[in-house]
Amino acid sequence: AAQLAAMFPGIDMSAEARLEKNHAERLWERLDSPDGPIHL
């Protein structure tokens, strides 16, 4: 959990959150930004 928090700062990566649509919207904003790596 600590590693995921560092990889995706500001995004809730808990199991419960990952099922939600608003999580996907925030994650997509991060992925489509030129500022950070993808973290495959």
PDB file of all heavy atoms in Angstrom:
ATOM      1  N   ALA A   1       0.830  -1.203   0.000  1.00  0.00           N
ATOM      2  CA  ALA A   1       0.000   0.000   0.000  1.00  0.00           C
ATOM      3  C   ALA A   1       0.865   1.254   0.000  1.00  0.00           C
ATOM      4  O   ALA A   1       0.554   2.247  -0.674  1.00  0.00           O
ATOM      5  CB  ALA A   1      -0.929  -0.018   1.215  1.00  0.00           C
ATOM      6  N   ALA A   2       1.973   1.229   0.746  1.00  0.00           N
ATOM      7  CA  ALA A   2       2.868   2.388   0.802  1.00  0.00           C
ATOM      8  C   ALA A   2       3.533   2.626  -0.551  1.00  0.00           C
ATOM      9  O   ALA A   2       3.681   3.771  -0.993  1.00  0.00           O
ATOM     10  CB  ALA A   2       3.924   2.181   1.884  1.00  0.00           C
ATOM     11  N   GLN A   3       3.923   1.548  -1.223  1.00  0.00           N
ATOM     12  CA  GLN A   3       4.545   1.691  -2.538  1.00  0.00           C
ATOM     13  C   GLN A   3       3.559   2.255  -3.552  1.00  0.00           C
ATOM     14  O   GLN A   3       3.900   3.124  -4.363  1.00  0.00           O
ATOM     15  CB  GLN A   3       5.079   0.336  -3.012  1.00  0.00           C
ATOM     16  CG  GLN A   3       6.300  -0.148  -2.248  1.00  0.00           C
ATOM     17  CD  GLN A   3       6.658  -1.586  -2.577  1.00  0.00           C
ATOM     18  OE1 GLN A   3       5.773  -2.433  -2.792  1.00  0.00           O
ATOM     19  NE2 GLN A   3       7.947  -1.889  -2.591  1.00  0.00           N
ATOM     20  N   LEU A   4       2.305   1.779  -3.522  1.00  0.00           N
ATOM     21  CA  LEU A   4       1.294   2.291  -4.441  1.00  0.00           C
ATOM     22  C   LEU A   4       1.000   3.766  -4.182  1.00  0.00           C
ATOM     23  O   LEU A   4       0.795   4.544  -5.114  1.00  0.00           O
ATOM     24  CB  LEU A   4       0.005   1.470  -4.312  1.00  0.00           C
ATOM     25  CG  LEU A   4       0.014   0.079  -4.938  1.00  0.00           C
ATOM     26  CD1 LEU A   4      -1.274  -0.662  -4.588  1.00  0.00           C
ATOM     27  CD2 LEU A   4       0.182   0.165  -6.450  1.00  0.00           C
ATOM     28  N   ALA A   5       0.981   4.155  -2.899  1.00  0.00           N
ATOM     29  CA  ALA A   5       0.728   5.553  -2.565  1.00  0.00           C
ATOM     30  C   ALA A   5       1.826   6.453  -3.118  1.00  0.00           C
ATOM     31  O   ALA A   5       1.564   7.570  -3.583  1.00  0.00           O
ATOM     32  CB  ALA A   5       0.626   5.713  -1.051  1.00  0.00           C
ATOM     33  N   ALA A   6       3.068   5.959  -3.104  1.00  0.00           N
ATOM     34  CA  ALA A   6       4.184   6.744  -3.642  1.00  0.00           C
ATOM     35  C   ALA A   6       4.145   6.795  -5.163  1.00  0.00           C
ATOM     36  O   ALA A   6       4.518   7.811  -5.773  1.00  0.00           O
ATOM     37  CB  ALA A   6       5.505   6.141  -3.166  1.00  0.00           C
ATOM     38  N   MET A   7       3.681   5.727  -5.790  1.00  0.00           N
ATOM     39  CA  MET A   7       3.618   5.669  -7.249  1.00  0.00           C
ATOM     40  C   MET A   7       2.477   6.513  -7.804  1.00  0.00           C
ATOM     41  O   MET A   7       2.575   7.090  -8.886  1.00  0.00           O
ATOM     42  CB  MET A   7       3.452   4.217  -7.704  1.00  0.00           C
ATOM     43  CG  MET A   7       4.670   3.341  -7.440  1.00  0.00           C
ATOM     44  SD  MET A   7       4.298   1.581  -7.526  1.00  0.00           S
ATOM     45  CE  MET A   7       3.746   1.385  -9.205  1.00  0.00           C
ATOM     46  N   PHE A   8       1.352   6.573  -7.066  1.00  0.00           N
ATOM     47  CA  PHE A   8       0.169   7.311  -7.518  1.00  0.00           C
ATOM     48  C   PHE A   8      -0.261   8.303  -6.429  1.00  0.00           C
ATOM     49  O   PHE A   8      -1.313   8.137  -5.810  1.00  0.00           O
ATOM     50  CB  PHE A   8      -0.971   6.349  -7.834  1.00  0.00           C
ATOM     51  CG  PHE A   8      -0.661   5.344  -8.907  1.00  0.00           C
ATOM     52  CD1 PHE A   8      -0.210   4.069  -8.579  1.00  0.00           C
ATOM     53  CD2 PHE A   8      -0.818   5.671 -10.242  1.00  0.00           C
ATOM     54  CE1 PHE A   8       0.084   3.145  -9.569  1.00  0.00           C
ATOM     55  CE2 PHE A   8      -0.526   4.751 -11.239  1.00  0.00           C
ATOM     56  CZ  PHE A   8      -0.074   3.488 -10.900  1.00  0.00           C
ATOM     57  N   PRO A   9       0.552   9.324  -6.160  1.00  0.00           N
ATOM     58  CA  PRO A   9       0.236  10.262  -5.073  1.00  0.00           C
ATOM     59  C   PRO A   9      -1.101  10.960  -5.303  1.00  0.00           C
ATOM     60  O   PRO A   9      -1.427  11.378  -6.406  1.00  0.00           O
ATOM     61  CB  PRO A   9       1.404  11.267  -5.126  1.00  0.00           C
ATOM     62  CG  PRO A   9       1.988  11.128  -6.498  1.00  0.00           C
ATOM     63  CD  PRO A   9       1.784   9.698  -6.887  1.00  0.00           C
ATOM     64  N   GLY A  10      -1.879  11.014  -4.212  1.00  0.00           N
ATOM     65  CA  GLY A  10      -3.163  11.689  -4.283  1.00  0.00           C
ATOM     66  C   GLY A  10      -4.296  10.851  -4.821  1.00  0.00           C
ATOM     67  O   GLY A  10      -5.438  11.316  -4.883  1.00  0.00           O
ATOM     68  N   ILE A  11      -4.012   9.604  -5.223  1.00  0.00           N
ATOM     69  CA  ILE A  11      -5.050   8.723  -5.765  1.00  0.00           C
ATOM     70  C   ILE A  11      -5.230   7.539  -4.821  1.00  0.00           C
ATOM     71  O   ILE A  11      -4.260   6.851  -4.468  1.00  0.00           O
ATOM     72  CB  ILE A  11      -4.684   8.226  -7.172  1.00  0.00           C
ATOM     73  CG1 ILE A  11      -4.576   9.404  -8.143  1.00  0.00           C
ATOM     74  CG2 ILE A  11      -5.734   7.237  -7.684  1.00  0.00           C
ATOM     75  CD1 ILE A  11      -4.184   9.011  -9.544  1.00  0.00           C
ATOM     76  N   ASP A  12      -6.448   7.296  -4.400  1.00  0.00           N
ATOM     77  CA  ASP A  12      -6.751   6.178  -3.516  1.00  0.00           C
ATOM     78  C   ASP A  12      -6.629   4.874  -4.306  1.00  0.00           C
ATOM     79  O   ASP A  12      -7.402   4.636  -5.235  1.00  0.00           O
ATOM     80  CB  ASP A  12      -8.170   6.331  -2.949  1.00  0.00           C
ATOM     81  CG  ASP A  12      -8.512   5.281  -1.903  1.00  0.00           C
ATOM     82  OD1 ASP A  12      -7.704   4.350  -1.700  1.00  0.00           O
ATOM     83  OD2 ASP A  12      -9.600   5.398  -1.297  1.00  0.00           O
ATOM     84  N   MET A  13      -5.658   4.026  -3.942  1.00  0.00           N
ATOM     85  CA  MET A  13      -5.437   2.770  -4.644  1.00  0.00           C
ATOM     86  C   MET A  13      -5.911   1.569  -3.818  1.00  0.00           C
ATOM     87  O   MET A  13      -5.491   0.441  -4.048  1.00  0.00           O
ATOM     88  CB  MET A  13      -3.961   2.617  -4.999  1.00  0.00           C
ATOM     89  CG  MET A  13      -3.444   3.629  -6.010  1.00  0.00           C
ATOM     90  SD  MET A  13      -4.214   3.467  -7.649  1.00  0.00           S
ATOM     91  CE  MET A  13      -3.492   1.925  -8.210  1.00  0.00           C
ATOM     92  N   SER A  14      -6.798   1.809  -2.870  1.00  0.00           N
ATOM     93  CA  SER A  14      -7.355   0.700  -2.097  1.00  0.00           C
ATOM     94  C   SER A  14      -8.254  -0.155  -2.972  1.00  0.00           C
ATOM     95  O   SER A  14      -8.739   0.288  -4.023  1.00  0.00           O
ATOM     96  CB  SER A  14      -8.151   1.224  -0.906  1.00  0.00           C
ATOM     97  OG  SER A  14      -9.319   1.906  -1.359  1.00  0.00           O
ATOM     98  N   ALA A  15      -8.487  -1.396  -2.548  1.00  0.00           N
ATOM     99  CA  ALA A  15      -9.320  -2.311  -3.326  1.00  0.00           C
ATOM    100  C   ALA A  15     -10.719  -1.745  -3.535  1.00  0.00           C
ATOM    101  O   ALA A  15     -11.296  -1.859  -4.623  1.00  0.00           O
ATOM    102  CB  ALA A  15      -9.387  -3.665  -2.627  1.00  0.00           C
ATOM    103  N   GLU A  16     -11.278  -1.118  -2.509  1.00  0.00           N
ATOM    104  CA  GLU A  16     -12.630  -0.571  -2.622  1.00  0.00           C
ATOM    105  C   GLU A  16     -12.677   0.564  -3.645  1.00  0.00           C
ATOM    106  O   GLU A  16     -13.591   0.647  -4.467  1.00  0.00           O
ATOM    107  CB  GLU A  16     -13.104  -0.060  -1.255  1.00  0.00           C
ATOM    108  CG  GLU A  16     -13.246  -1.130  -0.183  1.00  0.00           C
ATOM    109  CD  GLU A  16     -11.910  -1.555   0.417  1.00  0.00           C
ATOM    110  OE1 GLU A  16     -10.889  -0.851   0.191  1.00  0.00           O
ATOM    111  OE2 GLU A  16     -11.874  -2.593   1.083  1.00  0.00           O
ATOM    112  N   ALA A  17     -11.663   1.424  -3.615  1.00  0.00           N
ATOM    113  CA  ALA A  17     -11.657   2.579  -4.513  1.00  0.00           C
ATOM    114  C   ALA A  17     -11.491   2.167  -5.962  1.00  0.00           C
ATOM    115  O   ALA A  17     -12.068   2.790  -6.870  1.00  0.00           O
ATOM    116  CB  ALA A  17     -10.536   3.533  -4.115  1.00  0.00           C
ATOM    117  N   ARG A  18     -10.711   1.122  -6.207  1.00  0.00           N
ATOM    118  CA  ARG A  18     -10.400   0.746  -7.586  1.00  0.00           C
ATOM    119  C   ARG A  18     -11.615   0.243  -8.361  1.00  0.00           C
ATOM    120  O   ARG A  18     -11.569   0.118  -9.584  1.00  0.00           O
ATOM    121  CB  ARG A  18      -9.281  -0.290  -7.589  1.00  0.00           C
ATOM    122  CG  ARG A  18      -7.931   0.308  -7.197  1.00  0.00           C
ATOM    123  CD  ARG A  18      -6.892  -0.754  -6.963  1.00  0.00           C
ATOM    124  NE  ARG A  18      -6.682  -1.561  -8.159  1.00  0.00           N
ATOM    125  CZ  ARG A  18      -6.082  -2.746  -8.133  1.00  0.00           C
ATOM    126  NH1 ARG A  18      -5.687  -3.279  -6.992  1.00  0.00           N
ATOM    127  NH2 ARG A  18      -5.899  -3.412  -9.261  1.00  0.00           N
ATOM    128  N   LEU A  19     -12.706  -0.048  -7.672  1.00  0.00           N
ATOM    129  CA  LEU A  19     -13.929  -0.470  -8.346  1.00  0.00           C
ATOM    130  C   LEU A  19     -14.803   0.719  -8.755  1.00  0.00           C
ATOM    131  O   LEU A  19     -15.791   0.545  -9.475  1.00  0.00           O
ATOM    132  CB  LEU A  19     -14.745  -1.395  -7.432  1.00  0.00           C
ATOM    133  CG  LEU A  19     -14.194  -2.809  -7.218  1.00  0.00           C
ATOM    134  CD1 LEU A  19     -14.974  -3.519  -6.116  1.00  0.00           C
ATOM    135  CD2 LEU A  19     -14.243  -3.620  -8.504  1.00  0.00           C
ATOM    136  N   GLU A  20     -14.429   1.918  -8.318  1.00  0.00           N
ATOM    137  CA  GLU A  20     -15.276   3.091  -8.524  1.00  0.00           C
ATOM    138  C   GLU A  20     -14.903   3.855  -9.798  1.00  0.00           C
ATOM    139  O   GLU A  20     -13.739   3.936 -10.172  1.00  0.00           O
ATOM    140  CB  GLU A  20     -15.172   4.022  -7.317  1.00  0.00           C
ATOM    141  CG  GLU A  20     -15.602   3.384  -6.003  1.00  0.00           C
ATOM    142  CD  GLU A  20     -17.060   2.972  -6.012  1.00  0.00           C
ATOM    143  OE1 GLU A  20     -17.870   3.672  -6.656  1.00  0.00           O
ATOM    144  OE2 GLU A  20     -17.396   1.956  -5.372  1.00  0.00           O
ATOM    145  N   LYS A  21     -15.909   4.460 -10.425  1.00  0.00           N
ATOM    146  CA  LYS A  21     -15.688   5.215 -11.659  1.00  0.00           C
ATOM    147  C   LYS A  21     -14.895   6.496 -11.418  1.00  0.00           C
ATOM    148  O   LYS A  21     -14.085   6.912 -12.263  1.00  0.00           O
ATOM    149  CB  LYS A  21     -17.033   5.540 -12.317  1.00  0.00           C
ATOM    150  CG  LYS A  21     -17.734   4.322 -12.930  1.00  0.00           C
ATOM    151  CD  LYS A  21     -19.037   4.711 -13.576  1.00  0.00           C
ATOM    152  CE  LYS A  21     -19.634   3.535 -14.358  1.00  0.00           C
ATOM    153  NZ  LYS A  21     -19.877   2.349 -13.507  1.00  0.00           N
ATOM    154  N   ASN A  22     -15.106   7.152 -10.259  1.00  0.00           N
ATOM    155  CA  ASN A  22     -14.360   8.391 -10.017  1.00  0.00           C
ATOM    156  C   ASN A  22     -12.871   8.121  -9.807  1.00  0.00           C
ATOM    157  O   ASN A  22     -12.026   8.966 -10.118  1.00  0.00           O
ATOM    158  CB  ASN A  22     -14.955   9.178  -8.848  1.00  0.00           C
ATOM    159  CG  ASN A  22     -14.956   8.382  -7.554  1.00  0.00           C
ATOM    160  OD1 ASN A  22     -14.529   7.229  -7.507  1.00  0.00           O
ATOM    161  ND2 ASN A  22     -15.437   9.009  -6.489  1.00  0.00           N
ATOM    162  N   HIS A  23     -12.526   6.936  -9.304  1.00  0.00           N
ATOM    163  CA  HIS A  23     -11.119   6.542  -9.229  1.00  0.00           C
ATOM    164  C   HIS A  23     -10.523   6.465 -10.630  1.00  0.00           C
ATOM    165  O   HIS A  23      -9.413   6.966 -10.881  1.00  0.00           O
ATOM    166  CB  HIS A  23     -10.989   5.186  -8.525  1.00  0.00           C
ATOM    167  CG  HIS A  23      -9.697   4.477  -8.792  1.00  0.00           C
ATOM    168  ND1 HIS A  23      -8.537   4.749  -8.098  1.00  0.00           N
ATOM    169  CD2 HIS A  23      -9.379   3.508  -9.696  1.00  0.00           C
ATOM    170  CE1 HIS A  23      -7.553   3.987  -8.562  1.00  0.00           C
ATOM    171  NE2 HIS A  23      -8.042   3.225  -9.525  1.00  0.00           N
ATOM    172  N   ALA A  24     -11.251   5.849 -11.559  1.00  0.00           N
ATOM    173  CA  ALA A  24     -10.758   5.716 -12.929  1.00  0.00           C
ATOM    174  C   ALA A  24     -10.576   7.084 -13.585  1.00  0.00           C
ATOM    175  O   ALA A  24      -9.615   7.309 -14.337  1.00  0.00           O
ATOM    176  CB  ALA A  24     -11.718   4.863 -13.752  1.00  0.00           C
ATOM    177  N   GLU A  25     -11.480   8.015 -13.299  1.00  0.00           N
ATOM    178  CA  GLU A  25     -11.364   9.349 -13.894  1.00  0.00           C
ATOM    179  C   GLU A  25     -10.115  10.070 -13.408  1.00  0.00           C
ATOM    180  O   GLU A  25      -9.401  10.699 -14.192  1.00  0.00           O
ATOM    181  CB  GLU A  25     -12.622  10.165 -13.556  1.00  0.00           C
ATOM    182  CG  GLU A  25     -13.861   9.645 -14.273  1.00  0.00           C
ATOM    183  CD  GLU A  25     -15.149  10.190 -13.694  1.00  0.00           C
ATOM    184  OE1 GLU A  25     -15.070  10.947 -12.685  1.00  0.00           O
ATOM    185  OE2 GLU A  25     -16.234   9.837 -14.217  1.00  0.00           O
ATOM    186  N   ARG A  26      -9.805   9.961 -12.120  1.00  0.00           N
ATOM    187  CA  ARG A  26      -8.598  10.599 -11.588  1.00  0.00           C
ATOM    188  C   ARG A  26      -7.345   9.900 -12.111  1.00  0.00           C
ATOM    189  O   ARG A  26      -6.343  10.544 -12.422  1.00  0.00           O
ATOM    190  CB  ARG A  26      -8.623  10.559 -10.057  1.00  0.00           C
ATOM    191  CG  ARG A  26      -9.756  11.349  -9.423  1.00  0.00           C
ATOM    192  CD  ARG A  26      -9.519  11.574  -7.955  1.00  0.00           C
ATOM    193  NE  ARG A  26      -8.336  12.416  -7.754  1.00  0.00           N
ATOM    194  CZ  ARG A  26      -7.780  12.616  -6.565  1.00  0.00           C
ATOM    195  NH1 ARG A  26      -8.285  12.029  -5.490  1.00  0.00           N
ATOM    196  NH2 ARG A  26      -6.726  13.395  -6.440  1.00  0.00           N
ATOM    197  N   LEU A  27      -7.412   8.578 -12.202  1.00  0.00           N
ATOM    198  CA  LEU A  27      -6.259   7.837 -12.700  1.00  0.00           C
ATOM    199  C   LEU A  27      -5.988   8.181 -14.159  1.00  0.00           C
ATOM    200  O   LEU A  27      -4.824   8.335 -14.565  1.00  0.00           O
ATOM    201  CB  LEU A  27      -6.498   6.337 -12.534  1.00  0.00           C
ATOM    202  CG  LEU A  27      -5.351   5.394 -12.916  1.00  0.00           C
ATOM    203  CD1 LEU A  27      -4.076   5.734 -12.151  1.00  0.00           C
ATOM    204  CD2 LEU A  27      -5.753   3.936 -12.673  1.00  0.00           C
ATOM    205  N   TRP A  28      -7.046   8.328 -14.959  1.00  0.00           N
ATOM    206  CA  TRP A  28      -6.841   8.669 -16.364  1.00  0.00           C
ATOM    207  C   TRP A  28      -6.216  10.062 -16.515  1.00  0.00           C
ATOM    208  O   TRP A  28      -5.328  10.269 -17.346  1.00  0.00           O
ATOM    209  CB  TRP A  28      -8.150   8.602 -17.156  1.00  0.00           C
ATOM    210  CG  TRP A  28      -7.945   9.104 -18.557  1.00  0.00           C
ATOM    211  CD1 TRP A  28      -8.460  10.244 -19.113  1.00  0.00           C
ATOM    212  CD2 TRP A  28      -7.098   8.527 -19.552  1.00  0.00           C
ATOM    213  NE1 TRP A  28      -8.001  10.404 -20.395  1.00  0.00           N
ATOM    214  CE2 TRP A  28      -7.154   9.365 -20.691  1.00  0.00           C
ATOM    215  CE3 TRP A  28      -6.306   7.394 -19.595  1.00  0.00           C
ATOM    216  CZ2 TRP A  28      -6.448   9.097 -21.856  1.00  0.00           C
ATOM    217  CZ3 TRP A  28      -5.594   7.118 -20.754  1.00  0.00           C
ATOM    218  CH2 TRP A  28      -5.669   7.962 -21.868  1.00  0.00           C
ATOM    219  N   GLU A  29      -6.646  11.007 -15.710  1.00  0.00           N
ATOM    220  CA  GLU A  29      -6.028  12.328 -15.739  1.00  0.00           C
ATOM    221  C   GLU A  29      -4.526  12.238 -15.498  1.00  0.00           C
ATOM    222  O   GLU A  29      -3.729  12.921 -16.144  1.00  0.00           O
ATOM    223  CB  GLU A  29      -6.683  13.241 -14.690  1.00  0.00           C
ATOM    224  CG  GLU A  29      -8.097  13.657 -15.011  1.00  0.00           C
ATOM    225  CD  GLU A  29      -8.705  14.498 -13.906  1.00  0.00           C
ATOM    226  OE1 GLU A  29      -7.973  14.843 -12.941  1.00  0.00           O
ATOM    227  OE2 GLU A  29      -9.909  14.797 -13.968  1.00  0.00           O
ATOM    228  N   ARG A  30      -4.134  11.395 -14.558  1.00  0.00           N
ATOM    229  CA  ARG A  30      -2.710  11.224 -14.255  1.00  0.00           C
ATOM    230  C   ARG A  30      -1.985  10.529 -15.407  1.00  0.00           C
ATOM    231  O   ARG A  30      -0.879  10.932 -15.796  1.00  0.00           O
ATOM    232  CB  ARG A  30      -2.566  10.403 -12.972  1.00  0.00           C
ATOM    233  CG  ARG A  30      -1.129  10.136 -12.536  1.00  0.00           C
ATOM    234  CD  ARG A  30      -0.427  11.405 -12.067  1.00  0.00           C
ATOM    235  NE  ARG A  30      -1.205  12.089 -11.052  1.00  0.00           N
ATOM    236  CZ  ARG A  30      -1.215  11.754  -9.751  1.00  0.00           C
ATOM    237  NH1 ARG A  30      -0.473  10.740  -9.336  1.00  0.00           N
ATOM    238  NH2 ARG A  30      -1.939  12.416  -8.900  1.00  0.00           N
ATOM    239  N   LEU A  31      -2.595   9.498 -15.971  1.00  0.00           N
ATOM    240  CA  LEU A  31      -1.942   8.751 -17.045  1.00  0.00           C
ATOM    241  C   LEU A  31      -1.759   9.600 -18.294  1.00  0.00           C
ATOM    242  O   LEU A  31      -0.753   9.486 -19.001  1.00  0.00           O
ATOM    243  CB  LEU A  31      -2.770   7.509 -17.401  1.00  0.00           C
ATOM    244  CG  LEU A  31      -2.837   6.390 -16.379  1.00  0.00           C
ATOM    245  CD1 LEU A  31      -3.777   5.309 -16.868  1.00  0.00           C
ATOM    246  CD2 LEU A  31      -1.466   5.824 -16.104  1.00  0.00           C
ATOM    247  N   ASP A  32      -2.740  10.461 -18.582  1.00  0.00           N
ATOM    248  CA  ASP A  32      -2.705  11.256 -19.811  1.00  0.00           C
ATOM    249  C   ASP A  32      -1.916  12.547 -19.641  1.00  0.00           C
ATOM    250  O   ASP A  32      -1.846  13.353 -20.555  1.00  0.00           O
ATOM    251  CB  ASP A  32      -4.127  11.581 -20.263  1.00  0.00           C
ATOM    252  CG  ASP A  32      -4.211  11.889 -21.754  1.00  0.00           C
ATOM    253  OD1 ASP A  32      -3.417  11.311 -22.527  1.00  0.00           O
ATOM    254  OD2 ASP A  32      -5.065  12.706 -22.137  1.00  0.00           O
ATOM    255  N   SER A  33      -1.349  12.729 -18.460  1.00  0.00           N
ATOM    256  CA  SER A  33      -0.540  13.915 -18.202  1.00  0.00           C
ATOM    257  C   SER A  33       0.908  13.663 -18.600  1.00  0.00           C
ATOM    258  O   SER A  33       1.433  12.561 -18.400  1.00  0.00           O
ATOM    259  CB  SER A  33      -0.600  14.273 -16.713  1.00  0.00           C
ATOM    260  OG  SER A  33       0.401  15.207 -16.371  1.00  0.00           O
ATOM    261  N   PRO A  34       1.590  14.636 -19.150  1.00  0.00           N
ATOM    262  CA  PRO A  34       3.001  14.454 -19.513  1.00  0.00           C
ATOM    263  C   PRO A  34       3.939  14.537 -18.319  1.00  0.00           C
ATOM    264  O   PRO A  34       5.152  14.356 -18.467  1.00  0.00           O
ATOM    265  CB  PRO A  34       3.264  15.623 -20.473  1.00  0.00           C
ATOM    266  CG  PRO A  34       2.310  16.692 -20.035  1.00  0.00           C
ATOM    267  CD  PRO A  34       1.084  15.970 -19.545  1.00  0.00           C
ATOM    268  N   ASP A  35       3.390  14.757 -17.122  1.00  0.00           N
ATOM    269  CA  ASP A  35       4.235  15.039 -15.961  1.00  0.00           C
ATOM    270  C   ASP A  35       4.814  13.807 -15.284  1.00  0.00           C
ATOM    271  O   ASP A  35       5.805  13.908 -14.572  1.00  0.00           O
ATOM    272  CB  ASP A  35       3.442  15.835 -14.904  1.00  0.00           C
ATOM    273  CG  ASP A  35       2.958  17.167 -15.460  1.00  0.00           C
ATOM    274  OD1 ASP A  35       3.621  17.680 -16.373  1.00  0.00           O
ATOM    275  OD2 ASP A  35       1.933  17.656 -14.975  1.00  0.00           O
ATOM    276  N   GLY A  36       4.181  12.650 -15.462  1.00  0.00           N
ATOM    277  CA  GLY A  36       4.639  11.521 -14.666  1.00  0.00           C
ATOM    278  C   GLY A  36       4.717  10.227 -15.438  1.00  0.00           C
ATOM    279  O   GLY A  36       4.125  10.093 -16.510  1.00  0.00           O
ATOM    280  N   PRO A  37       5.444   9.215 -14.889  1.00  0.00           N
ATOM    281  CA  PRO A  37       5.549   7.915 -15.544  1.00  0.00           C
ATOM    282  C   PRO A  37       4.260   7.117 -15.404  1.00  0.00           C
ATOM    283  O   PRO A  37       3.391   7.431 -14.598  1.00  0.00           O
ATOM    284  CB  PRO A  37       6.699   7.242 -14.783  1.00  0.00           C
ATOM    285  CG  PRO A  37       6.668   7.874 -13.426  1.00  0.00           C
ATOM    286  CD  PRO A  37       6.228   9.289 -13.647  1.00  0.00           C
ATOM    287  N   ILE A  38       4.157   6.071 -16.185  1.00  0.00           N
ATOM    288  CA  ILE A  38       2.949   5.254 -16.199  1.00  0.00           C
ATOM    289  C   ILE A  38       2.892   4.305 -15.004  1.00  0.00           C
ATOM    290  O   ILE A  38       1.839   4.034 -14.459  1.00  0.00           O
ATOM    291  CB  ILE A  38       2.880   4.420 -17.500  1.00  0.00           C
ATOM    292  CG1 ILE A  38       2.805   5.354 -18.693  1.00  0.00           C
ATOM    293  CG2 ILE A  38       1.682   3.495 -17.497  1.00  0.00           C
ATOM    294  CD1 ILE A  38       2.921   4.635 -20.017  1.00  0.00           C
ATOM    295  N   HIS A  39       4.033   3.757 -14.580  1.00  0.00           N
ATOM    296  CA  HIS A  39       4.091   2.710 -13.575  1.00  0.00           C
ATOM    297  C   HIS A  39       3.285   1.493 -14.048  1.00  0.00           C
ATOM    298  O   HIS A  39       2.160   1.240 -13.612  1.00  0.00           O
ATOM    299  CB  HIS A  39       3.578   3.187 -12.220  1.00  0.00           C
ATOM    300  CG  HIS A  39       4.457   4.225 -11.594  1.00  0.00           C
ATOM    301  ND1 HIS A  39       5.772   3.978 -11.266  1.00  0.00           N
ATOM    302  CD2 HIS A  39       4.213   5.517 -11.264  1.00  0.00           C
ATOM    303  CE1 HIS A  39       6.302   5.076 -10.743  1.00  0.00           C
ATOM    304  NE2 HIS A  39       5.384   6.022 -10.748  1.00  0.00           N
ATOM    305  N   LEU A  40       3.846   0.769 -14.970  1.00  0.00           N
ATOM    306  CA  LEU A  40       3.178  -0.376 -15.557  1.00  0.00           C
ATOM    307  C   LEU A  40       2.819  -1.411 -14.512  1.00  0.00           C
ATOM    308  O   LEU A  40       3.593  -1.681 -13.593  1.00  0.00           O
ATOM    309  CB  LEU A  40       4.086  -1.036 -16.610  1.00  0.00           C
ATOM    310  CG  LEU A  40       4.525  -0.180 -17.803  1.00  0.00           C
ATOM    311  CD1 LEU A  40       5.442  -0.994 -18.690  1.00  0.00           C
ATOM    312  CD2 LEU A  40       3.313   0.295 -18.577  1.00  0.00           C
TER     313      LEU A  40
END
